[in-house]
C-alpha atoms as a PDB file:
ATOM      1  CA  GLU A   1      18.823  -2.046  -1.845  1.00  0.00           C
ATOM      2  CA  LEU A   2      17.948   1.427  -0.600  1.00  0.00           C
ATOM      3  CA  ARG A   3      17.819   0.235   2.993  1.00  0.00           C
ATOM      4  CA  GLU A   4      21.155  -1.556   2.637  1.00  0.00           C
ATOM      5  CA  CYS A   5      22.694   1.526   1.035  1.00  0.00           C
ATOM      6  CA  LEU A   6      21.701   3.773   3.933  1.00  0.00           C
ATOM      7  CA  GLU A   7      22.674   1.252   6.601  1.00  0.00           C
ATOM      8  CA  ALA A   8      26.113   0.826   5.041  1.00  0.00           C
ATOM      9  CA  ASP A   9      26.628   4.585   5.317  1.00  0.00           C
ATOM     10  CA  GLY A  10      25.763   4.676   9.029  1.00  0.00           C
ATOM     11  CA  PHE A  11      22.079   5.589   9.002  1.00  0.00           C
ATOM     12  CA  GLU A  12      20.237   3.856  11.838  1.00  0.00           C
ATOM     13  CA  ALA A  13      16.781   2.283  12.251  1.00  0.00           C
ATOM     14  CA  VAL A  14      16.325   2.312   8.476  1.00  0.00           C
ATOM     15  CA  LYS A  15      12.914   1.180   7.271  1.00  0.00           C
ATOM     16  CA  THR A  16      11.576   1.362   3.737  1.00  0.00           C
ATOM     17  CA  LEU A  17       7.870   1.610   3.012  1.00  0.00           C
ATOM     18  CA  LEU A  18       6.463   0.223  -0.203  1.00  0.00           C
ATOM     19  CA  ALA A  19       8.678   0.188  -3.269  1.00  0.00           C
ATOM     20  CA  SER A  20       8.527   3.866  -4.096  1.00  0.00           C
ATOM     21  CA  GLY A  21      11.483   5.436  -2.329  1.00  0.00           C
ATOM     22  CA  ASN A  22       9.856   6.031   1.052  1.00  0.00           C
ATOM     23  CA  VAL A  23      12.439   5.536   3.757  1.00  0.00           C
ATOM     24  CA  ARG A  24      12.514   6.308   7.451  1.00  0.00           C
ATOM     25  CA  PHE A  25      15.791   6.534   9.373  1.00  0.00           C
ATOM     26  CA  LEU A  26      17.643   8.065  12.278  1.00  0.00           C
ATOM     27  CA  ALA A  27      20.664  10.274  11.641  1.00  0.00           C
ATOM     28  CA  ASP A  28      22.395  13.313  13.035  1.00  0.00           C
ATOM     29  CA  GLY A  29      22.797  16.485  11.020  1.00  0.00           C
ATOM     30  CA  SER A  30      20.819  19.335   9.566  1.00  0.00           C
ATOM     31  CA  ALA A  31      18.140  18.722   6.954  1.00  0.00           C
ATOM     32  CA  THR A  32      20.350  20.415   4.341  1.00  0.00           C
ATOM     33  CA  ALA A  33      23.350  18.240   5.182  1.00  0.00           C
ATOM     34  CA  LEU A  34      21.276  15.038   5.287  1.00  0.00           C
ATOM     35  CA  LYS A  35      19.644  15.841   1.939  1.00  0.00           C
ATOM     36  CA  ALA A  36      23.045  16.392   0.296  1.00  0.00           C
ATOM     37  CA  ARG A  37      24.460  13.249   1.917  1.00  0.00           C
ATOM     38  CA  LEU A  38      21.519  11.125   0.747  1.00  0.00           C
ATOM     39  CA  GLU A  39      21.607  12.485  -2.801  1.00  0.00           C
ATOM     40  CA  LYS A  40      25.353  11.829  -3.132  1.00  0.00           C
ATOM     41  CA  LEU A  41      25.076   8.407  -1.544  1.00  0.00           C
ATOM     42  CA  MET A  42      22.316   7.271  -3.901  1.00  0.00           C
ATOM     43  CA  ALA A  43      23.988   8.748  -6.995  1.00  0.00           C
ATOM     44  CA  ASP A  44      27.197   6.928  -6.111  1.00  0.00           C
ATOM     45  CA  ARG A  45      25.422   3.657  -5.350  1.00  0.00           C
ATOM     46  CA  PHE A  46      22.823   3.541  -8.111  1.00  0.00           C
ATOM     47  CA  GLY A  47      24.568   5.512 -10.852  1.00  0.00           C
ATOM     48  CA  PHE A  48      21.984   8.244 -11.402  1.00  0.00           C
ATOM     49  CA  ALA A  49      20.867  11.441  -9.663  1.00  0.00           C
ATOM     50  CA  VAL A  50      18.047  11.117  -7.145  1.00  0.00           C
ATOM     51  CA  GLY A  51      16.452  14.240  -5.716  1.00  0.00           C
ATOM     52  CA  VAL A  52      15.485  13.966  -2.055  1.00  0.00           C
ATOM     53  CA  VAL A  53      12.466  15.570  -0.432  1.00  0.00           C
ATOM     54  CA  LEU A  54      13.039  15.226   3.276  1.00  0.00           C
ATOM     55  CA  ARG A  55      10.663  15.541   6.239  1.00  0.00           C
ATOM     56  CA  SER A  56      11.611  15.013   9.875  1.00  0.00           C
ATOM     57  CA  GLY A  57       9.575  12.843  12.198  1.00  0.00           C
ATOM     58  CA  GLU A  58       8.318  16.017  13.873  1.00  0.00           C
ATOM     59  CA  GLU A  59       7.194  17.406  10.532  1.00  0.00           C
ATOM     60  CA  ILE A  60       5.324  14.179   9.711  1.00  0.00           C
ATOM     61  CA  GLU A  61       3.705  14.247  13.164  1.00  0.00           C
ATOM     62  CA  ALA A  62       2.592  17.850  12.552  1.00  0.00           C
ATOM     63  CA  MET A  63       1.158  16.891   9.153  1.00  0.00           C
ATOM     64  CA  LEU A  64      -0.855  14.097  10.732  1.00  0.00           C
ATOM     65  CA  ALA A  65      -1.967  16.235  13.688  1.00  0.00           C
ATOM     66  CA  GLY A  66      -3.131  18.967  11.295  1.00  0.00           C
ATOM     67  CA  HIS A  67      -5.846  16.667   9.866  1.00  0.00           C
ATOM     68  CA  PRO A  68      -5.670  18.210   6.383  1.00  0.00           C
ATOM     69  CA  PHE A  69      -8.404  15.908   5.062  1.00  0.00           C
ATOM     70  CA  ALA A  70     -10.856  16.361   7.945  1.00  0.00           C
ATOM     71  CA  ARG A  71     -13.387  18.273   5.860  1.00  0.00           C
ATOM     72  CA  LEU A  72     -13.819  15.420   3.376  1.00  0.00           C
ATOM     73  CA  ASP A  73     -16.998  13.392   3.530  1.00  0.00           C
ATOM     74  CA  PRO A  74     -15.893  10.058   5.046  1.00  0.00           C
ATOM     75  CA  LYS A  75     -18.248   8.281   2.627  1.00  0.00           C
ATOM     76  CA  ALA A  76     -16.799   9.947  -0.478  1.00  0.00           C
ATOM     77  CA  ASP A  77     -14.946   7.755  -2.970  1.00  0.00           C
ATOM     78  CA  VAL A  78     -11.775   9.788  -2.844  1.00  0.00           C
ATOM     79  CA  THR A  79      -8.029   9.340  -2.686  1.00  0.00           C
ATOM     80  CA  ARG A  80      -5.890  11.625  -0.529  1.00  0.00           C
ATOM     81  CA  HIS A  81      -2.426  12.827  -1.486  1.00  0.00           C
ATOM     82  CA  VAL A  82       0.190  15.243  -0.283  1.00  0.00           C
ATOM     83  CA  LEU A  83       2.529  16.975  -2.724  1.00  0.00           C
ATOM     84  CA  MET A  84       5.756  17.755  -0.877  1.00  0.00           C
ATOM     85  CA  PHE A  85       8.386  20.209  -2.113  1.00  0.00           C
ATOM     86  CA  ASP A  86      12.029  20.504  -1.124  1.00  0.00           C
ATOM     87  CA  GLN A  87      11.750  24.316  -0.987  1.00  0.00           C
ATOM     88  CA  ASN A  88       9.191  26.760   0.386  1.00  0.00           C
ATOM     89  CA  LEU A  89       6.272  27.567  -1.873  1.00  0.00           C
ATOM     90  CA  PRO A  90       5.566  31.213  -2.790  1.00  0.00           C
ATOM     91  CA  ALA A  91       3.758  33.127  -0.061  1.00  0.00           C
ATOM     92  CA  GLY A  92       0.043  33.569  -0.651  1.00  0.00           C
ATOM     93  CA  LEU A  93      -0.100  30.781  -3.205  1.00  0.00           C
ATOM     94  CA  SER A  94      -3.568  29.712  -4.293  1.00  0.00           C
ATOM     95  CA  LEU A  95      -4.685  27.226  -6.910  1.00  0.00           C
ATOM     96  CA  ASP A  96      -8.014  26.799  -8.634  1.00  0.00           C
ATOM     97  CA  ASP A  97      -9.293  23.304  -8.086  1.00  0.00           C
ATOM     98  CA  ARG A  98     -12.130  21.315  -9.612  1.00  0.00           C
ATOM     99  CA  PRO A  99     -14.686  20.577  -6.868  1.00  0.00           C
ATOM    100  CA  GLY A 100     -15.824  16.981  -6.887  1.00  0.00           C
ATOM    101  CA  HIS A 101     -12.920  16.078  -9.146  1.00  0.00           C
ATOM    102  CA  THR A 102      -9.542  17.352  -7.937  1.00  0.00           C
ATOM    103  CA  GLU A 103      -9.621  19.557  -4.856  1.00  0.00           C
ATOM    104  CA  ILE A 104      -6.815  21.478  -3.192  1.00  0.00           C
ATOM    105  CA  LEU A 105      -7.694  21.169   0.481  1.00  0.00           C
ATOM    106  CA  ARG A 106      -4.795  23.107   1.953  1.00  0.00           C
ATOM    107  CA  ILE A 107      -1.487  24.687   0.999  1.00  0.00           C
ATOM    108  CA  ASP A 108       1.189  24.826   3.668  1.00  0.00           C
ATOM    109  CA  ARG A 109       4.724  26.193   3.533  1.00  0.00           C
ATOM    110  CA  ARG A 110       6.102  23.186   1.587  1.00  0.00           C
ATOM    111  CA  ASP A 111       3.104  20.889   1.172  1.00  0.00           C
ATOM    112  CA  ILE A 112      -0.128  20.800  -0.829  1.00  0.00           C
ATOM    113  CA  TYR A 113      -2.949  18.475   0.240  1.00  0.00           C
ATOM    114  CA  ILE A 114      -5.027  17.129  -2.631  1.00  0.00           C
ATOM    115  CA  ALA A 115      -8.208  15.064  -2.843  1.00  0.00           C
ATOM    116  CA  GLY A 116      -8.926  13.160  -6.043  1.00  0.00           C
ATOM    117  CA  TYR A 117     -12.479  11.921  -6.493  1.00  0.00           C
ATOM    118  CA  ARG A 118     -13.254   8.749  -8.386  1.00  0.00           C
ATOM    119  CA  GLN A 119     -14.335   9.552 -11.919  1.00  0.00           C
ATOM    120  CA  PRO A 120     -16.636   7.529 -14.219  1.00  0.00           C
ATOM    121  CA  ASN A 121     -13.578   5.942 -15.850  1.00  0.00           C
ATOM    122  CA  GLY A 122     -12.492   4.619 -12.424  1.00  0.00           C
ATOM    123  CA  ARG A 123      -9.490   6.929 -12.062  1.00  0.00           C
ATOM    124  CA  TYR A 124      -8.901   9.308  -9.174  1.00  0.00           C
ATOM    125  CA  THR A 125      -5.975  11.597  -9.947  1.00  0.00           C
ATOM    126  CA  GLU A 126      -6.398  12.175 -13.657  1.00  0.00           C
ATOM    127  CA  GLY A 127      -7.066  15.910 -13.191  1.00  0.00           C
ATOM    128  CA  VAL A 128      -4.177  16.667 -10.847  1.00  0.00           C
ATOM    129  CA  GLU A 129      -1.795  17.753 -13.597  1.00  0.00           C
ATOM    130  CA  ASP A 130      -4.286  20.273 -14.993  1.00  0.00           C
ATOM    131  CA  VAL A 131      -4.906  21.757 -11.547  1.00  0.00           C
ATOM    132  CA  LEU A 132      -1.167  22.021 -10.856  1.00  0.00           C
ATOM    133  CA  LYS A 133      -0.087  23.406 -14.268  1.00  0.00           C
ATOM    134  CA  PRO A 134      -0.310  27.057 -13.128  1.00  0.00           C
ATOM    135  CA  LEU A 135       1.831  26.229 -10.096  1.00  0.00           C
ATOM    136  CA  TYR A 136       4.593  24.623 -12.148  1.00  0.00           C
ATOM    137  CA  ALA A 137       4.475  27.483 -14.647  1.00  0.00           C
ATOM    138  CA  LYS A 138       5.053  29.881 -11.753  1.00  0.00           C
ATOM    139  CA  LEU A 139       7.767  27.783 -10.067  1.00  0.00           C
ATOM    140  CA  GLY A 140       9.671  27.035 -13.271  1.00  0.00           C
ATOM    141  CA  LYS A 141      11.890  24.136 -14.209  1.00  0.00           C
ATOM    142  CA  GLY A 142      14.022  22.433 -11.642  1.00  0.00           C
ATOM    143  CA  THR A 143      11.321  22.297  -8.980  1.00  0.00           C
ATOM    144  CA  LEU A 144      11.772  19.196  -6.854  1.00  0.00           C
ATOM    145  CA  ASP A 145       8.661  17.605  -5.417  1.00  0.00           C
ATOM    146  CA  THR A 146       7.133  14.237  -4.708  1.00  0.00           C
ATOM    147  CA  MET A 147       3.535  13.189  -4.320  1.00  0.00           C
ATOM    148  CA  ARG A 148       2.627  10.567  -1.752  1.00  0.00           C
ATOM    149  CA  ASN A 149      -0.620   8.834  -0.981  1.00  0.00           C
ATOM    150  CA  TRP A 150      -1.817   9.938   2.455  1.00  0.00           C
ATOM    151  CA  ASN A 151      -2.101   6.288   3.508  1.00  0.00           C
ATOM    152  CA  THR A 152       1.686   6.064   3.130  1.00  0.00           C
ATOM    153  CA  ILE A 153       2.212   9.168   5.262  1.00  0.00           C
ATOM    154  CA  GLU A 154      -0.010   7.637   7.955  1.00  0.00           C
ATOM    155  CA  LYS A 155       2.274   4.566   7.984  1.00  0.00           C
ATOM    156  CA  MET A 156       5.581   6.468   8.081  1.00  0.00           C
ATOM    157  CA  LEU A 157       5.841   6.662  11.860  1.00  0.00           C
ATOM    158  CA  ALA A 158       4.249   3.293  12.645  1.00  0.00           C
END
């Protein structure tokens, strides 16, 4: 439905990935204008507000080229995620992580790269909320973000 919605509004080369709101498309306009257009379009079509966190193809390419997970042991039982925000994060932001559990590998202008290690209960990202609590306390309510598995990001441009 999301793909059909965007195509009907003139977006081109629309491709959805998984069933979690990941969509790739071609369109003209600034990021601000496209974000507003997408949010209005989806609210009108689906009947509820949907916040959009938008990254251009160039931004995704830069994320991939930056190898944010390069320092991880390739044999580690870990899941990789990126937390993407619609606004810039505060300058000089740092977060205390939990080595071997939930690690903050890098903080960029609008993105935080997180590694979640498999715990004895079989879960990987159980500690993410605790690590991020100080960030959300600082940012306040109304912060728009989305977390994506790095495997999904790797597939976005394929």
